[in-house]
C-alpha cells in the first residue's frame, strides 16, 4: 500500500487499494466530474465521535485533498486532526461491505467501527 499525502499539508491519511477502487467505482457511477468522497469526524455515536461519509463537489478552504488511483477524498482540517495516521479501507465480508477507518488515535471503538473514543 502506498501512502497518500494531503496536498498542502503534513497530516497524512492512507487510502488502501481496495478503498481507492471502490471510491473510483462509486464516483464513476455519477455524472458529476468534480465529485469527491468527503470523510468527516463529528461528535456523537456510542463512543463519543463518529465518522461521516458523503459525496461532495465543493472543496472548502480548510479541506485537505487526498488522491489515489482515481479516487478523490476530502477531509476538513479539524477532522484530519482526529484522523492523522489513519487508514481508509473498504472491507467486504459475510456481514456486508463498508468503508472502515483504522485510526491509531482512537483508544476504543464500537462494534460497528463507525464510532470511536480518544480518551
C-alpha atoms as a PDB file:
ATOM      1  CA  UNK A   1       0.000   0.000   0.000  1.00  0.00           C
ATOM      2  CA  UNK A   2       1.313   3.403  -0.816  1.00  0.00           C
ATOM      3  CA  UNK A   3       0.752   6.352   1.433  1.00  0.00           C
ATOM      4  CA  UNK A   4      -1.306   9.244   0.175  1.00  0.00           C
ATOM      5  CA  UNK A   5      -0.345  12.673   1.440  1.00  0.00           C
ATOM      6  CA  UNK A   6      -2.744  15.571   1.508  1.00  0.00           C
ATOM      7  CA  UNK A   7      -1.861  18.316  -0.873  1.00  0.00           C
ATOM      8  CA  UNK A   8      -0.622  21.303   1.071  1.00  0.00           C
ATOM      9  CA  UNK A   9      -0.227  19.680   4.483  1.00  0.00           C
ATOM     10  CA  UNK A  10       1.723  17.312   6.663  1.00  0.00           C
ATOM     11  CA  UNK A  11      -1.322  15.431   8.022  1.00  0.00           C
ATOM     12  CA  UNK A  12      -1.453  12.015   6.395  1.00  0.00           C
ATOM     13  CA  UNK A  13      -4.321   9.653   5.782  1.00  0.00           C
ATOM     14  CA  UNK A  14      -3.733   6.464   3.814  1.00  0.00           C
ATOM     15  CA  UNK A  15      -6.215   5.135   1.272  1.00  0.00           C
ATOM     16  CA  UNK A  16      -5.908   1.399   0.615  1.00  0.00           C
ATOM     17  CA  UNK A  17      -6.074  -0.101  -2.866  1.00  0.00           C
ATOM     18  CA  UNK A  18      -9.476  -1.601  -2.019  1.00  0.00           C
ATOM     19  CA  UNK A  19     -10.874   1.749  -0.857  1.00  0.00           C
ATOM     20  CA  UNK A  20      -9.437   3.568  -3.886  1.00  0.00           C
ATOM     21  CA  UNK A  21     -11.071   1.054  -6.251  1.00  0.00           C
ATOM     22  CA  UNK A  22     -14.452   1.366  -4.513  1.00  0.00           C
ATOM     23  CA  UNK A  23     -14.334   5.165  -4.334  1.00  0.00           C
ATOM     24  CA  UNK A  24     -13.341   5.415  -8.009  1.00  0.00           C
ATOM     25  CA  UNK A  25     -16.163   3.000  -8.932  1.00  0.00           C
ATOM     26  CA  UNK A  26     -18.777   4.953  -6.935  1.00  0.00           C
ATOM     27  CA  UNK A  27     -17.620   8.256  -8.389  1.00  0.00           C
ATOM     28  CA  UNK A  28     -17.746   6.804 -11.925  1.00  0.00           C
ATOM     29  CA  UNK A  29     -21.441   5.994 -11.423  1.00  0.00           C
ATOM     30  CA  UNK A  30     -22.261   9.684 -11.058  1.00  0.00           C
ATOM     31  CA  UNK A  31     -22.388  12.195 -13.885  1.00  0.00           C
ATOM     32  CA  UNK A  32     -20.556  14.861 -11.857  1.00  0.00           C
ATOM     33  CA  UNK A  33     -16.839  15.136 -12.693  1.00  0.00           C
ATOM     34  CA  UNK A  34     -15.901  17.210  -9.606  1.00  0.00           C
ATOM     35  CA  UNK A  35     -17.478  14.804  -7.128  1.00  0.00           C
ATOM     36  CA  UNK A  36     -15.311  13.567  -4.220  1.00  0.00           C
ATOM     37  CA  UNK A  37     -15.832  11.408  -1.176  1.00  0.00           C
ATOM     38  CA  UNK A  38     -15.977  13.594   1.945  1.00  0.00           C
ATOM     39  CA  UNK A  39     -14.933  11.956   5.208  1.00  0.00           C
ATOM     40  CA  UNK A  40     -15.615  13.823   8.437  1.00  0.00           C
ATOM     41  CA  UNK A  41     -15.494  13.389  12.202  1.00  0.00           C
ATOM     42  CA  UNK A  42     -18.271  14.724  14.400  1.00  0.00           C
ATOM     43  CA  UNK A  43     -19.377  14.364  17.991  1.00  0.00           C
ATOM     44  CA  UNK A  44     -21.811  11.530  18.636  1.00  0.00           C
ATOM     45  CA  UNK A  45     -22.108   7.819  18.217  1.00  0.00           C
ATOM     46  CA  UNK A  46     -21.861   5.330  21.038  1.00  0.00           C
ATOM     47  CA  UNK A  47     -18.161   6.042  21.713  1.00  0.00           C
ATOM     48  CA  UNK A  48     -18.040   9.854  21.568  1.00  0.00           C
ATOM     49  CA  UNK A  49     -17.012  10.603  17.966  1.00  0.00           C
ATOM     50  CA  UNK A  50     -18.319   9.227  14.694  1.00  0.00           C
ATOM     51  CA  UNK A  51     -17.157   9.130  11.089  1.00  0.00           C
ATOM     52  CA  UNK A  52     -19.302  10.529   8.321  1.00  0.00           C
ATOM     53  CA  UNK A  53     -19.134   9.653   4.623  1.00  0.00           C
ATOM     54  CA  UNK A  54     -20.780  11.728   1.916  1.00  0.00           C
ATOM     55  CA  UNK A  55     -20.248  12.816  -1.673  1.00  0.00           C
ATOM     56  CA  UNK A  56     -19.442  16.470  -2.261  1.00  0.00           C
ATOM     57  CA  UNK A  57     -18.463  18.629  -5.230  1.00  0.00           C
ATOM     58  CA  UNK A  58     -17.219  21.508  -3.116  1.00  0.00           C
ATOM     59  CA  UNK A  59     -13.721  21.790  -1.666  1.00  0.00           C
ATOM     60  CA  UNK A  60     -13.642  24.286   1.210  1.00  0.00           C
ATOM     61  CA  UNK A  61     -10.669  26.431   2.196  1.00  0.00           C
ATOM     62  CA  UNK A  62      -9.967  24.208   5.225  1.00  0.00           C
ATOM     63  CA  UNK A  63     -10.206  20.911   3.301  1.00  0.00           C
ATOM     64  CA  UNK A  64      -7.277  18.648   2.571  1.00  0.00           C
ATOM     65  CA  UNK A  65      -7.440  16.640  -0.633  1.00  0.00           C
ATOM     66  CA  UNK A  66      -6.205  13.042  -0.735  1.00  0.00           C
ATOM     67  CA  UNK A  67      -6.000  11.191  -4.041  1.00  0.00           C
ATOM     68  CA  UNK A  68      -5.067   7.680  -5.043  1.00  0.00           C
ATOM     69  CA  UNK A  69      -5.651   5.819  -8.319  1.00  0.00           C
ATOM     70  CA  UNK A  70      -8.571   7.992  -9.456  1.00  0.00           C
ATOM     71  CA  UNK A  71     -10.134   8.196  -6.003  1.00  0.00           C
ATOM     72  CA  UNK A  72     -10.522  11.670  -4.520  1.00  0.00           C
ATOM     73  CA  UNK A  73     -11.207  12.157  -0.809  1.00  0.00           C
ATOM     74  CA  UNK A  74     -11.617  15.461   1.010  1.00  0.00           C
ATOM     75  CA  UNK A  75     -11.351  15.811   4.772  1.00  0.00           C
ATOM     76  CA  UNK A  76     -11.719  19.084   6.635  1.00  0.00           C
ATOM     77  CA  UNK A  77      -8.717  20.231   8.664  1.00  0.00           C
ATOM     78  CA  UNK A  78     -10.396  19.672  12.046  1.00  0.00           C
ATOM     79  CA  UNK A  79     -11.368  16.089  11.148  1.00  0.00           C
ATOM     80  CA  UNK A  80      -7.870  15.356   9.817  1.00  0.00           C
ATOM     81  CA  UNK A  81      -6.572  16.306  13.267  1.00  0.00           C
ATOM     82  CA  UNK A  82      -8.593  13.410  14.706  1.00  0.00           C
ATOM     83  CA  UNK A  83      -7.573  11.086  11.857  1.00  0.00           C
ATOM     84  CA  UNK A  84      -3.859  11.799  11.300  1.00  0.00           C
ATOM     85  CA  UNK A  85      -2.139   8.494  10.569  1.00  0.00           C
ATOM     86  CA  UNK A  86      -5.439   6.725   9.847  1.00  0.00           C
ATOM     87  CA  UNK A  87      -6.108   4.315   7.004  1.00  0.00           C
ATOM     88  CA  UNK A  88      -9.310   4.324   4.952  1.00  0.00           C
ATOM     89  CA  UNK A  89     -10.173   0.841   3.723  1.00  0.00           C
ATOM     90  CA  UNK A  90     -13.117  -0.847   2.014  1.00  0.00           C
ATOM     91  CA  UNK A  91     -13.945  -4.211   3.549  1.00  0.00           C
ATOM     92  CA  UNK A  92     -16.222  -6.931   2.210  1.00  0.00           C
ATOM     93  CA  UNK A  93     -17.157  -9.883   4.414  1.00  0.00           C
ATOM     94  CA  UNK A  94     -20.109 -12.148   5.186  1.00  0.00           C
ATOM     95  CA  UNK A  95     -21.893  -9.371   7.083  1.00  0.00           C
ATOM     96  CA  UNK A  96     -21.657  -6.855   4.243  1.00  0.00           C
ATOM     97  CA  UNK A  97     -19.423  -4.270   2.653  1.00  0.00           C
ATOM     98  CA  UNK A  98     -18.429  -0.901   4.089  1.00  0.00           C
ATOM     99  CA  UNK A  99     -15.688   1.654   4.401  1.00  0.00           C
ATOM    100  CA  UNK A 100     -13.588   1.116   7.523  1.00  0.00           C
ATOM    101  CA  UNK A 101     -11.183   3.517   9.164  1.00  0.00           C
ATOM    102  CA  UNK A 102      -8.240   2.219  11.149  1.00  0.00           C
ATOM    103  CA  UNK A 103      -7.331   5.154  13.356  1.00  0.00           C
ATOM    104  CA  UNK A 104      -4.219   4.981  15.565  1.00  0.00           C
ATOM    105  CA  UNK A 105      -5.516   7.933  17.619  1.00  0.00           C
ATOM    106  CA  UNK A 106      -8.657   6.043  18.669  1.00  0.00           C
ATOM    107  CA  UNK A 107      -8.368   4.423  22.088  1.00  0.00           C
ATOM    108  CA  UNK A 108     -11.565   2.412  21.644  1.00  0.00           C
ATOM    109  CA  UNK A 109     -14.342   1.951  19.121  1.00  0.00           C
ATOM    110  CA  UNK A 110     -17.815   0.497  18.950  1.00  0.00           C
ATOM    111  CA  UNK A 111     -18.649  -2.834  17.351  1.00  0.00           C
ATOM    112  CA  UNK A 112     -19.684  -1.305  14.036  1.00  0.00           C
ATOM    113  CA  UNK A 113     -16.433   0.675  13.724  1.00  0.00           C
ATOM    114  CA  UNK A 114     -18.129   3.982  12.854  1.00  0.00           C
ATOM    115  CA  UNK A 115     -17.781   5.414  16.346  1.00  0.00           C
ATOM    116  CA  UNK A 116     -14.617   5.888  18.373  1.00  0.00           C
ATOM    117  CA  UNK A 117     -13.157   7.425  21.519  1.00  0.00           C
ATOM    118  CA  UNK A 118      -9.932   9.360  22.016  1.00  0.00           C
ATOM    119  CA  UNK A 119      -9.675   9.079  25.809  1.00  0.00           C
END
